[in-house]
Amino acid sequence: MLALSVLALGARQTVLAQETDDPVKIEIYKRFVDNRQGNPAAAYQAARDYLQKYNKDKDQYTDYLTKWVTFYERDERKRNLPGLINEKKFAEAYSTGAKILADEPNYLRAQIDLGYAGYLAASAKNESFNATALDYARKAISEIEAGKTPTEWAPFKGKDDTLAYLNYAVGFLTLKTTPDQSIDALIKAAQYDSEIKKTPSTYYFLAVAYESGPYKTLSAAYQANFANKPETPESKAALDKLNVVMDRIIDAYARAIATAGTDPKTEQGRKDWMTAMSTYYKFRHGGTDTGMTEFIATVLQKPLPPKP
């Protein structure tokens, strides 16, 4: 509809010349018309110049140019958002995104970008946008799972890749505050055939989520209720639950180590993960690490175990 309006009013350039003897008005409007298709940035500047100089004219030309400027600025915000995120200008990105979504609340591309940008910001030690990013990421996941598609999937490879990265972002952003939710999101992220499935940090974060979530809770309860007391059916059941969680932690650390391979960038991480894994593994295997190397070597051949 806007395009039709553009054509209609563009054709009235000669009419404008007949309606006014102001050469400046005619020149500015001609500059807008001449650049509207090939150089919209120049057309935008001409439209702004026209509206600034003739803002008291309440006619079809000022009305049309006002609408054209509004739509141009909306499109420009959409074009600029990925660049702001790539340049790590997160405050500007979220401000721009808020304007985009105020105009178009269901614009999925912005929800995806802002959802994942929260992970990028937080991993750069800027957690100011965690809550906002979580809202965007969860809404985007819900919309995609319901069958909605964005204007384009890039920079991700497609639907599954986008869902993997968004769930990974949710897992990271909830790791400190709600580790149980982080576990759900990270397990979900690892189910998709994407780079996230092959990324060591996916499983390292999963191990940390198990440790700071269910393991911490179950361990504290066991120590408070059953430590240094004779075994009872209740204490055995509690220990069994704790053992299951420890097995999940062992599995997650093993996957982090296995996916890291021999990459020099992850060398320190592998050492730390091996140390952490060894503690749990020895506890579960009578004080020995026999079989641990073989477990790591074969862990990726097995499905990722579900949350207990």
C-alpha atoms as a PDB file:
ATOM      1  CA  MET A   1       0.000   0.000   0.000  1.00  0.00           C
ATOM      2  CA  LEU A   2       2.860   2.351   0.838  1.00  0.00           C
ATOM      3  CA  ALA A   3       4.513   1.570  -2.514  1.00  0.00           C
ATOM      4  CA  LEU A   4       1.322   2.594  -4.334  1.00  0.00           C
ATOM      5  CA  SER A   5       1.264   5.829  -2.375  1.00  0.00           C
ATOM      6  CA  VAL A   6       4.868   6.457  -3.338  1.00  0.00           C
ATOM      7  CA  LEU A   7       4.082   6.019  -7.005  1.00  0.00           C
ATOM      8  CA  ALA A   8       0.966   8.146  -6.815  1.00  0.00           C
ATOM      9  CA  LEU A   9       2.593  11.079  -5.064  1.00  0.00           C
ATOM     10  CA  GLY A  10       5.795  10.745  -7.025  1.00  0.00           C
ATOM     11  CA  ALA A  11       3.805  11.289 -10.201  1.00  0.00           C
ATOM     12  CA  ARG A  12       2.513  14.561  -8.743  1.00  0.00           C
ATOM     13  CA  GLN A  13       5.883  16.254  -8.843  1.00  0.00           C
ATOM     14  CA  THR A  14       4.809  18.401 -11.814  1.00  0.00           C
ATOM     15  CA  VAL A  15       1.536  19.130 -10.009  1.00  0.00           C
ATOM     16  CA  LEU A  16       3.500  20.459  -7.032  1.00  0.00           C
ATOM     17  CA  ALA A  17       5.380  22.747  -9.404  1.00  0.00           C
ATOM     18  CA  GLN A  18       2.040  24.045 -10.617  1.00  0.00           C
ATOM     19  CA  GLU A  19       0.768  24.488  -7.054  1.00  0.00           C
ATOM     20  CA  THR A  20       3.655  26.604  -5.754  1.00  0.00           C
ATOM     21  CA  ASP A  21       6.177  29.130  -7.017  1.00  0.00           C
ATOM     22  CA  ASP A  22       8.618  28.276  -4.194  1.00  0.00           C
ATOM     23  CA  PRO A  23      11.715  26.948  -6.021  1.00  0.00           C
ATOM     24  CA  VAL A  24      13.204  25.540  -2.801  1.00  0.00           C
ATOM     25  CA  LYS A  25      10.101  23.490  -2.070  1.00  0.00           C
ATOM     26  CA  ILE A  26      10.099  22.133  -5.640  1.00  0.00           C
ATOM     27  CA  GLU A  27      13.837  21.337  -5.486  1.00  0.00           C
ATOM     28  CA  ILE A  28      13.655  19.493  -2.169  1.00  0.00           C
ATOM     29  CA  TYR A  29      10.661  17.434  -3.211  1.00  0.00           C
ATOM     30  CA  LYS A  30      12.296  16.636  -6.566  1.00  0.00           C
ATOM     31  CA  ARG A  31      15.393  15.484  -4.675  1.00  0.00           C
ATOM     32  CA  PHE A  32      13.188  13.162  -2.644  1.00  0.00           C
ATOM     33  CA  VAL A  33      11.426  11.731  -5.715  1.00  0.00           C
ATOM     34  CA  ASP A  34      14.649  11.285  -7.695  1.00  0.00           C
ATOM     35  CA  ASN A  35      16.356   9.352  -4.877  1.00  0.00           C
ATOM     36  CA  ARG A  36      13.421   7.445  -3.468  1.00  0.00           C
ATOM     37  CA  GLN A  37      14.160   4.226  -5.367  1.00  0.00           C
ATOM     38  CA  GLY A  38      17.919   4.231  -5.929  1.00  0.00           C
ATOM     39  CA  ASN A  39      19.194   6.089  -2.883  1.00  0.00           C
ATOM     40  CA  PRO A  40      16.680   5.938  -0.037  1.00  0.00           C
ATOM     41  CA  ALA A  41      19.136   7.479   2.443  1.00  0.00           C
ATOM     42  CA  ALA A  42      19.330  10.612   0.305  1.00  0.00           C
ATOM     43  CA  ALA A  43      15.546  10.558  -0.132  1.00  0.00           C
ATOM     44  CA  TYR A  44      15.189  10.325   3.640  1.00  0.00           C
ATOM     45  CA  GLN A  45      17.358  13.387   4.136  1.00  0.00           C
ATOM     46  CA  ALA A  46      15.352  15.278   1.518  1.00  0.00           C
ATOM     47  CA  ALA A  47      12.107  14.281   3.227  1.00  0.00           C
ATOM     48  CA  ARG A  48      13.449  15.449   6.572  1.00  0.00           C
ATOM     49  CA  ASP A  49      14.563  18.736   5.006  1.00  0.00           C
ATOM     50  CA  TYR A  50      11.129  19.250   3.474  1.00  0.00           C
ATOM     51  CA  LEU A  51       9.285  18.499   6.708  1.00  0.00           C
ATOM     52  CA  GLN A  52      11.554  20.714   8.752  1.00  0.00           C
ATOM     53  CA  LYS A  53      11.142  23.693   6.402  1.00  0.00           C
ATOM     54  CA  TYR A  54       7.452  23.218   5.602  1.00  0.00           C
ATOM     55  CA  ASN A  55       6.208  21.610   8.808  1.00  0.00           C
ATOM     56  CA  LYS A  56       3.269  24.038   8.961  1.00  0.00           C
ATOM     57  CA  ASP A  57       1.941  22.871   5.605  1.00  0.00           C
ATOM     58  CA  LYS A  58      -0.840  20.437   6.420  1.00  0.00           C
ATOM     59  CA  ASP A  59      -1.330  18.954   2.964  1.00  0.00           C
ATOM     60  CA  GLN A  60      -0.948  15.677   1.085  1.00  0.00           C
ATOM     61  CA  TYR A  61       2.795  16.189   0.632  1.00  0.00           C
ATOM     62  CA  THR A  62       3.704  16.666   4.283  1.00  0.00           C
ATOM     63  CA  ASP A  63       1.286  13.885   5.237  1.00  0.00           C
ATOM     64  CA  TYR A  64       2.866  11.472   2.768  1.00  0.00           C
ATOM     65  CA  LEU A  65       6.464  12.402   3.624  1.00  0.00           C
ATOM     66  CA  THR A  66       5.726  12.024   7.335  1.00  0.00           C
ATOM     67  CA  LYS A  67       4.493   8.471   6.719  1.00  0.00           C
ATOM     68  CA  TRP A  68       7.409   7.705   4.402  1.00  0.00           C
ATOM     69  CA  VAL A  69       9.929   8.882   7.019  1.00  0.00           C
ATOM     70  CA  THR A  70       8.222   6.780   9.691  1.00  0.00           C
ATOM     71  CA  PHE A  71       8.427   3.608   7.597  1.00  0.00           C
ATOM     72  CA  TYR A  72      11.992   4.364   6.536  1.00  0.00           C
ATOM     73  CA  GLU A  73      13.091   4.774  10.155  1.00  0.00           C
ATOM     74  CA  ARG A  74      11.365   1.517  11.107  1.00  0.00           C
ATOM     75  CA  ASP A  75      13.193  -0.322   8.336  1.00  0.00           C
ATOM     76  CA  GLU A  76      16.456   1.372   9.224  1.00  0.00           C
ATOM     77  CA  ARG A  77      16.193   0.187  12.823  1.00  0.00           C
ATOM     78  CA  LYS A  78      15.679  -3.366  11.582  1.00  0.00           C
ATOM     79  CA  ARG A  79      18.712  -3.077   9.303  1.00  0.00           C
ATOM     80  CA  ASN A  80      20.892  -1.612  12.055  1.00  0.00           C
ATOM     81  CA  LEU A  81      20.043  -4.044  14.870  1.00  0.00           C
ATOM     82  CA  PRO A  82      22.354  -6.947  13.834  1.00  0.00           C
ATOM     83  CA  GLY A  83      25.265  -4.563  13.370  1.00  0.00           C
ATOM     84  CA  LEU A  84      24.802  -3.049  16.818  1.00  0.00           C
ATOM     85  CA  ILE A  85      24.866  -6.541  18.323  1.00  0.00           C
ATOM     86  CA  ASN A  86      27.935  -7.552  16.320  1.00  0.00           C
ATOM     87  CA  GLU A  87      29.699  -4.396  17.484  1.00  0.00           C
ATOM     88  CA  LYS A  88      28.749  -5.229  21.085  1.00  0.00           C
ATOM     89  CA  LYS A  89      26.798  -1.981  21.438  1.00  0.00           C
ATOM     90  CA  PHE A  90      24.284  -3.778  23.618  1.00  0.00           C
ATOM     91  CA  ALA A  91      22.601  -0.787  25.254  1.00  0.00           C
ATOM     92  CA  GLU A  92      21.926   0.763  21.849  1.00  0.00           C
ATOM     93  CA  ALA A  93      20.843  -2.597  20.464  1.00  0.00           C
ATOM     94  CA  TYR A  94      18.253  -3.159  23.185  1.00  0.00           C
ATOM     95  CA  SER A  95      17.015   0.414  22.873  1.00  0.00           C
ATOM     96  CA  THR A  96      16.649  -0.028  19.111  1.00  0.00           C
ATOM     97  CA  GLY A  97      15.023  -3.411  19.564  1.00  0.00           C
ATOM     98  CA  ALA A  98      12.489  -1.989  22.000  1.00  0.00           C
ATOM     99  CA  LYS A  99      11.465   0.587  19.386  1.00  0.00           C
ATOM    100  CA  ILE A 100      11.174  -2.087  16.695  1.00  0.00           C
ATOM    101  CA  LEU A 101       8.975  -4.250  18.886  1.00  0.00           C
ATOM    102  CA  ALA A 102       6.891  -1.295  20.025  1.00  0.00           C
ATOM    103  CA  ASP A 103       5.958  -0.811  16.362  1.00  0.00           C
ATOM    104  CA  GLU A 104       5.719  -4.532  15.589  1.00  0.00           C
ATOM    105  CA  PRO A 105       5.292  -6.588  18.792  1.00  0.00           C
ATOM    106  CA  ASN A 106       5.449  -9.900  16.913  1.00  0.00           C
ATOM    107  CA  TYR A 107       8.532  -9.172  14.807  1.00  0.00           C
ATOM    108  CA  LEU A 108      10.272 -12.507  15.334  1.00  0.00           C
ATOM    109  CA  ARG A 109      13.646 -11.588  13.837  1.00  0.00           C
ATOM    110  CA  ALA A 110      14.225  -8.936  16.520  1.00  0.00           C
ATOM    111  CA  GLN A 111      13.108 -11.298  19.289  1.00  0.00           C
ATOM    112  CA  ILE A 112      15.636 -13.889  18.108  1.00  0.00           C
ATOM    113  CA  ASP A 113      18.470 -11.368  17.819  1.00  0.00           C
ATOM    114  CA  LEU A 114      17.800  -9.782  21.207  1.00  0.00           C
ATOM    115  CA  GLY A 115      17.341 -13.160  22.882  1.00  0.00           C
ATOM    116  CA  TYR A 116      20.735 -14.413  21.780  1.00  0.00           C
ATOM    117  CA  ALA A 117      22.369 -11.009  22.321  1.00  0.00           C
ATOM    118  CA  GLY A 118      21.725 -11.488  26.038  1.00  0.00           C
ATOM    119  CA  TYR A 119      24.129 -14.433  26.023  1.00  0.00           C
ATOM    120  CA  LEU A 120      26.736 -12.418  24.107  1.00  0.00           C
ATOM    121  CA  ALA A 121      26.441  -9.547  26.574  1.00  0.00           C
ATOM    122  CA  ALA A 122      26.486 -11.754  29.676  1.00  0.00           C
ATOM    123  CA  SER A 123      29.475 -13.741  28.430  1.00  0.00           C
ATOM    124  CA  ALA A 124      31.239 -10.374  28.081  1.00  0.00           C
ATOM    125  CA  LYS A 125      30.482  -9.703  31.795  1.00  0.00           C
ATOM    126  CA  ASN A 126      27.504  -7.454  31.096  1.00  0.00           C
ATOM    127  CA  GLU A 127      24.459  -8.954  32.798  1.00  0.00           C
ATOM    128  CA  SER A 128      22.303  -5.819  32.576  1.00  0.00           C
ATOM    129  CA  PHE A 129      20.087  -7.326  29.897  1.00  0.00           C
ATOM    130  CA  ASN A 130      19.662 -10.866  31.271  1.00  0.00           C
ATOM    131  CA  ALA A 131      16.003 -10.578  32.231  1.00  0.00           C
ATOM    132  CA  THR A 132      15.016  -8.760  29.036  1.00  0.00           C
ATOM    133  CA  ALA A 133      16.963 -11.189  26.865  1.00  0.00           C
ATOM    134  CA  LEU A 134      15.358 -14.168  28.592  1.00  0.00           C
ATOM    135  CA  ASP A 135      11.894 -12.821  27.812  1.00  0.00           C
ATOM    136  CA  TYR A 136      12.807 -12.323  24.161  1.00  0.00           C
ATOM    137  CA  ALA A 137      14.504 -15.723  23.837  1.00  0.00           C
ATOM    138  CA  ARG A 138      11.633 -17.632  25.431  1.00  0.00           C
ATOM    139  CA  LYS A 139       9.054 -15.826  23.322  1.00  0.00           C
ATOM    140  CA  ALA A 140      11.058 -16.489  20.166  1.00  0.00           C
ATOM    141  CA  ILE A 141      11.382 -20.193  21.031  1.00  0.00           C
ATOM    142  CA  SER A 142       7.650 -20.418  21.654  1.00  0.00           C
ATOM    143  CA  GLU A 143       6.829 -18.675  18.367  1.00  0.00           C
ATOM    144  CA  ILE A 144       9.202 -20.847  16.327  1.00  0.00           C
ATOM    145  CA  GLU A 145       7.960 -24.060  17.934  1.00  0.00           C
ATOM    146  CA  ALA A 146       4.415 -22.944  17.083  1.00  0.00           C
ATOM    147  CA  GLY A 147       5.387 -22.780  13.410  1.00  0.00           C
ATOM    148  CA  LYS A 148       6.243 -19.125  12.926  1.00  0.00           C
ATOM    149  CA  THR A 149       9.273 -18.249  10.787  1.00  0.00           C
ATOM    150  CA  PRO A 150      11.357 -15.040  10.761  1.00  0.00           C
ATOM    151  CA  THR A 151      12.069 -12.922   7.694  1.00  0.00           C
ATOM    152  CA  GLU A 152      15.362 -14.830   7.486  1.00  0.00           C
ATOM    153  CA  TRP A 153      17.182 -17.384   9.642  1.00  0.00           C
ATOM    154  CA  ALA A 154      20.668 -15.865   9.218  1.00  0.00           C
ATOM    155  CA  PRO A 155      23.019 -15.622  11.031  1.00  0.00           C
ATOM    156  CA  PHE A 156      21.810 -19.074  12.071  1.00  0.00           C
ATOM    157  CA  LYS A 157      21.576 -21.957   9.615  1.00  0.00           C
ATOM    158  CA  GLY A 158      17.880 -22.655   9.970  1.00  0.00           C
ATOM    159  CA  LYS A 159      15.097 -23.501  12.384  1.00  0.00           C
ATOM    160  CA  ASP A 160      16.886 -26.175  14.424  1.00  0.00           C
ATOM    161  CA  ASP A 161      20.109 -24.179  14.611  1.00  0.00           C
ATOM    162  CA  THR A 162      18.199 -21.117  15.826  1.00  0.00           C
ATOM    163  CA  LEU A 163      16.372 -23.123  18.489  1.00  0.00           C
ATOM    164  CA  ALA A 164      19.640 -24.681  19.635  1.00  0.00           C
ATOM    165  CA  TYR A 165      21.321 -21.307  20.110  1.00  0.00           C
ATOM    166  CA  LEU A 166      18.288 -19.735  21.779  1.00  0.00           C
ATOM    167  CA  ASN A 167      17.968 -22.611  24.258  1.00  0.00           C
ATOM    168  CA  TYR A 168      21.705 -22.411  24.883  1.00  0.00           C
ATOM    169  CA  ALA A 169      21.265 -18.697  25.642  1.00  0.00           C
ATOM    170  CA  VAL A 170      18.422 -19.471  28.055  1.00  0.00           C
ATOM    171  CA  GLY A 171      20.571 -22.128  29.724  1.00  0.00           C
ATOM    172  CA  PHE A 172      23.446 -19.718  30.182  1.00  0.00           C
ATOM    173  CA  LEU A 173      21.275 -16.831  31.376  1.00  0.00           C
ATOM    174  CA  THR A 174      19.533 -18.964  34.022  1.00  0.00           C
ATOM    175  CA  LEU A 175      22.649 -20.794  35.207  1.00  0.00           C
ATOM    176  CA  LYS A 176      23.249 -18.622  38.275  1.00  0.00           C
ATOM    177  CA  THR A 177      19.669 -17.890  39.272  1.00  0.00           C
ATOM    178  CA  THR A 178      17.600 -20.966  38.396  1.00  0.00           C
ATOM    179  CA  PRO A 179      19.912 -23.897  37.604  1.00  0.00           C
ATOM    180  CA  ASP A 180      17.007 -26.344  37.322  1.00  0.00           C
ATOM    181  CA  GLN A 181      15.668 -24.306  34.394  1.00  0.00           C
ATOM    182  CA  SER A 182      19.183 -24.089  32.993  1.00  0.00           C
ATOM    183  CA  ILE A 183      19.398 -27.900  32.929  1.00  0.00           C
ATOM    184  CA  ASP A 184      16.175 -28.144  30.921  1.00  0.00           C
ATOM    185  CA  ALA A 185      17.301 -25.534  28.401  1.00  0.00           C
ATOM    186  CA  LEU A 186      20.816 -26.959  27.918  1.00  0.00           C
ATOM    187  CA  ILE A 187      19.563 -30.519  27.448  1.00  0.00           C
ATOM    188  CA  LYS A 188      17.086 -29.207  24.893  1.00  0.00           C
ATOM    189  CA  ALA A 189      19.809 -27.196  23.129  1.00  0.00           C
ATOM    190  CA  ALA A 190      21.973 -30.303  22.793  1.00  0.00           C
ATOM    191  CA  GLN A 191      19.184 -32.280  21.092  1.00  0.00           C
ATOM    192  CA  TYR A 192      19.348 -30.256  17.878  1.00  0.00           C
ATOM    193  CA  ASP A 193      21.826 -31.054  15.130  1.00  0.00           C
ATOM    194  CA  SER A 194      23.877 -27.864  15.409  1.00  0.00           C
ATOM    195  CA  GLU A 195      27.258 -26.623  16.548  1.00  0.00           C
ATOM    196  CA  ILE A 196      25.841 -26.304  20.052  1.00  0.00           C
ATOM    197  CA  LYS A 197      25.740 -30.102  20.225  1.00  0.00           C
ATOM    198  CA  LYS A 198      29.494 -30.146  19.562  1.00  0.00           C
ATOM    199  CA  THR A 199      30.405 -27.245  21.841  1.00  0.00           C
ATOM    200  CA  PRO A 200      32.236 -28.136  25.097  1.00  0.00           C
ATOM    201  CA  SER A 201      30.695 -25.245  27.048  1.00  0.00           C
ATOM    202  CA  THR A 202      27.216 -26.703  26.507  1.00  0.00           C
ATOM    203  CA  TYR A 203      28.150 -29.681  28.678  1.00  0.00           C
ATOM    204  CA  TYR A 204      30.331 -27.739  31.087  1.00  0.00           C
ATOM    205  CA  PHE A 205      27.392 -25.408  31.828  1.00  0.00           C
ATOM    206  CA  LEU A 206      25.175 -28.476  32.180  1.00  0.00           C
ATOM    207  CA  ALA A 207      27.558 -29.969  34.749  1.00  0.00           C
ATOM    208  CA  VAL A 208      27.617 -26.677  36.681  1.00  0.00           C
ATOM    209  CA  ALA A 209      23.807 -26.472  36.566  1.00  0.00           C
ATOM    210  CA  TYR A 210      23.524 -29.967  38.037  1.00  0.00           C
ATOM    211  CA  GLU A 211      26.101 -29.112  40.705  1.00  0.00           C
ATOM    212  CA  SER A 212      24.565 -25.803  41.785  1.00  0.00           C
ATOM    213  CA  GLY A 213      20.994 -27.040  41.440  1.00  0.00           C
ATOM    214  CA  PRO A 214      19.851 -30.562  42.365  1.00  0.00           C
ATOM    215  CA  TYR A 215      23.211 -31.793  43.685  1.00  0.00           C
ATOM    216  CA  LYS A 216      23.555 -28.896  46.119  1.00  0.00           C
ATOM    217  CA  THR A 217      19.976 -29.310  47.322  1.00  0.00           C
ATOM    218  CA  LEU A 218      20.059 -33.109  47.676  1.00  0.00           C
ATOM    219  CA  SER A 219      23.526 -33.125  49.242  1.00  0.00           C
ATOM    220  CA  ALA A 220      22.549 -30.550  51.863  1.00  0.00           C
ATOM    221  CA  ALA A 221      19.384 -32.493  52.689  1.00  0.00           C
ATOM    222  CA  TYR A 222      21.313 -35.772  52.975  1.00  0.00           C
ATOM    223  CA  GLN A 223      23.939 -34.235  55.251  1.00  0.00           C
ATOM    224  CA  ALA A 224      21.301 -32.675  57.462  1.00  0.00           C
ATOM    225  CA  ASN A 225      19.098 -35.781  57.794  1.00  0.00           C
ATOM    226  CA  PHE A 226      21.221 -38.884  57.322  1.00  0.00           C
ATOM    227  CA  ALA A 227      24.965 -38.205  57.641  1.00  0.00           C
ATOM    228  CA  ASN A 228      26.787 -40.345  60.242  1.00  0.00           C
ATOM    229  CA  LYS A 229      23.628 -42.278  61.048  1.00  0.00           C
ATOM    230  CA  PRO A 230      22.721 -45.938  60.468  1.00  0.00           C
ATOM    231  CA  GLU A 231      21.330 -46.659  57.036  1.00  0.00           C
ATOM    232  CA  THR A 232      17.557 -46.656  56.707  1.00  0.00           C
ATOM    233  CA  PRO A 233      15.275 -47.122  53.699  1.00  0.00           C
ATOM    234  CA  GLU A 234      14.828 -43.365  53.649  1.00  0.00           C
ATOM    235  CA  SER A 235      18.557 -42.627  53.747  1.00  0.00           C
ATOM    236  CA  LYS A 236      19.216 -45.206  51.033  1.00  0.00           C
ATOM    237  CA  ALA A 237      16.544 -43.660  48.801  1.00  0.00           C
ATOM    238  CA  ALA A 238      18.048 -40.200  49.384  1.00  0.00           C
ATOM    239  CA  LEU A 239      21.541 -41.445  48.553  1.00  0.00           C
ATOM    240  CA  ASP A 240      20.270 -43.160  45.406  1.00  0.00           C
ATOM    241  CA  LYS A 241      18.811 -39.852  44.203  1.00  0.00           C
ATOM    242  CA  LEU A 242      22.096 -38.114  44.962  1.00  0.00           C
ATOM    243  CA  ASN A 243      24.032 -40.787  43.090  1.00  0.00           C
ATOM    244  CA  VAL A 244      21.855 -40.339  39.989  1.00  0.00           C
ATOM    245  CA  VAL A 245      22.627 -36.622  39.949  1.00  0.00           C
ATOM    246  CA  MET A 246      26.341 -37.320  40.413  1.00  0.00           C
ATOM    247  CA  ASP A 247      26.194 -39.654  37.437  1.00  0.00           C
ATOM    248  CA  ARG A 248      24.663 -36.822  35.391  1.00  0.00           C
ATOM    249  CA  ILE A 249      27.493 -34.518  36.475  1.00  0.00           C
ATOM    250  CA  ILE A 250      30.090 -37.133  35.514  1.00  0.00           C
ATOM    251  CA  ASP A 251      28.420 -37.597  32.127  1.00  0.00           C
ATOM    252  CA  ALA A 252      28.283 -33.839  31.460  1.00  0.00           C
ATOM    253  CA  TYR A 253      31.956 -33.288  32.325  1.00  0.00           C
ATOM    254  CA  ALA A 254      32.924 -36.276  30.174  1.00  0.00           C
ATOM    255  CA  ARG A 255      31.054 -34.777  27.207  1.00  0.00           C
ATOM    256  CA  ALA A 256      32.726 -31.403  27.732  1.00  0.00           C
ATOM    257  CA  ILE A 257      36.143 -33.098  27.695  1.00  0.00           C
ATOM    258  CA  ALA A 258      35.307 -35.305  24.720  1.00  0.00           C
ATOM    259  CA  THR A 259      33.929 -32.502  22.550  1.00  0.00           C
ATOM    260  CA  ALA A 260      36.915 -30.287  23.405  1.00  0.00           C
ATOM    261  CA  GLY A 261      39.268 -32.870  21.947  1.00  0.00           C
ATOM    262  CA  THR A 262      42.818 -31.540  21.693  1.00  0.00           C
ATOM    263  CA  ASP A 263      41.963 -27.910  20.976  1.00  0.00           C
ATOM    264  CA  PRO A 264      44.697 -25.786  22.616  1.00  0.00           C
ATOM    265  CA  LYS A 265      42.102 -23.115  23.470  1.00  0.00           C
ATOM    266  CA  THR A 266      40.351 -25.520  25.833  1.00  0.00           C
ATOM    267  CA  GLU A 267      43.435 -27.033  27.439  1.00  0.00           C
ATOM    268  CA  GLN A 268      42.971 -25.329  30.814  1.00  0.00           C
ATOM    269  CA  GLY A 269      39.268 -26.050  30.722  1.00  0.00           C
ATOM    270  CA  ARG A 270      39.919 -29.743  30.076  1.00  0.00           C
ATOM    271  CA  LYS A 271      42.271 -29.930  33.046  1.00  0.00           C
ATOM    272  CA  ASP A 272      39.705 -28.298  35.320  1.00  0.00           C
ATOM    273  CA  TRP A 273      36.891 -30.493  34.011  1.00  0.00           C
ATOM    274  CA  MET A 274      38.995 -33.620  34.434  1.00  0.00           C
ATOM    275  CA  THR A 275      39.747 -32.684  38.043  1.00  0.00           C
ATOM    276  CA  ALA A 276      36.082 -32.054  38.814  1.00  0.00           C
ATOM    277  CA  MET A 277      34.925 -35.193  37.032  1.00  0.00           C
ATOM    278  CA  SER A 278      37.536 -37.329  38.794  1.00  0.00           C
ATOM    279  CA  THR A 279      36.200 -36.356  42.233  1.00  0.00           C
ATOM    280  CA  TYR A 280      32.677 -37.501  41.425  1.00  0.00           C
ATOM    281  CA  TYR A 281      33.844 -40.536  39.450  1.00  0.00           C
ATOM    282  CA  LYS A 282      36.027 -41.840  42.293  1.00  0.00           C
ATOM    283  CA  PHE A 283      33.208 -41.357  44.787  1.00  0.00           C
ATOM    284  CA  ARG A 284      30.917 -43.430  42.581  1.00  0.00           C
ATOM    285  CA  HIS A 285      33.549 -46.112  41.884  1.00  0.00           C
ATOM    286  CA  GLY A 286      34.994 -46.986  45.268  1.00  0.00           C
ATOM    287  CA  GLY A 287      37.792 -44.414  45.276  1.00  0.00           C
ATOM    288  CA  THR A 288      39.320 -45.396  41.931  1.00  0.00           C
ATOM    289  CA  ASP A 289      39.325 -43.720  38.518  1.00  0.00           C
ATOM    290  CA  THR A 290      39.679 -47.029  36.679  1.00  0.00           C
ATOM    291  CA  GLY A 291      37.620 -46.907  33.501  1.00  0.00           C
ATOM    292  CA  MET A 292      37.293 -43.108  33.498  1.00  0.00           C
ATOM    293  CA  THR A 293      39.418 -42.615  30.373  1.00  0.00           C
ATOM    294  CA  GLU A 294      37.381 -45.242  28.529  1.00  0.00           C
ATOM    295  CA  PHE A 295      34.153 -43.611  29.706  1.00  0.00           C
ATOM    296  CA  ILE A 296      35.226 -40.267  28.253  1.00  0.00           C
ATOM    297  CA  ALA A 297      36.267 -41.904  24.978  1.00  0.00           C
ATOM    298  CA  THR A 298      32.850 -43.481  24.432  1.00  0.00           C
ATOM    299  CA  VAL A 299      30.469 -41.010  26.074  1.00  0.00           C
ATOM    300  CA  LEU A 300      29.477 -39.256  22.846  1.00  0.00           C
ATOM    301  CA  GLN A 301      28.277 -42.550  21.421  1.00  0.00           C
ATOM    302  CA  LYS A 302      25.502 -42.601  24.016  1.00  0.00           C
ATOM    303  CA  PRO A 303      22.400 -40.398  24.166  1.00  0.00           C
ATOM    304  CA  LEU A 304      22.515 -37.459  26.541  1.00  0.00           C
ATOM    305  CA  PRO A 305      20.706 -38.705  29.679  1.00  0.00           C
ATOM    306  CA  PRO A 306      17.507 -36.894  30.625  1.00  0.00           C
ATOM    307  CA  LYS A 307      17.112 -34.768  33.727  1.00  0.00           C
ATOM    308  CA  PRO A 308      16.261 -37.085  36.637  1.00  0.00           C
END
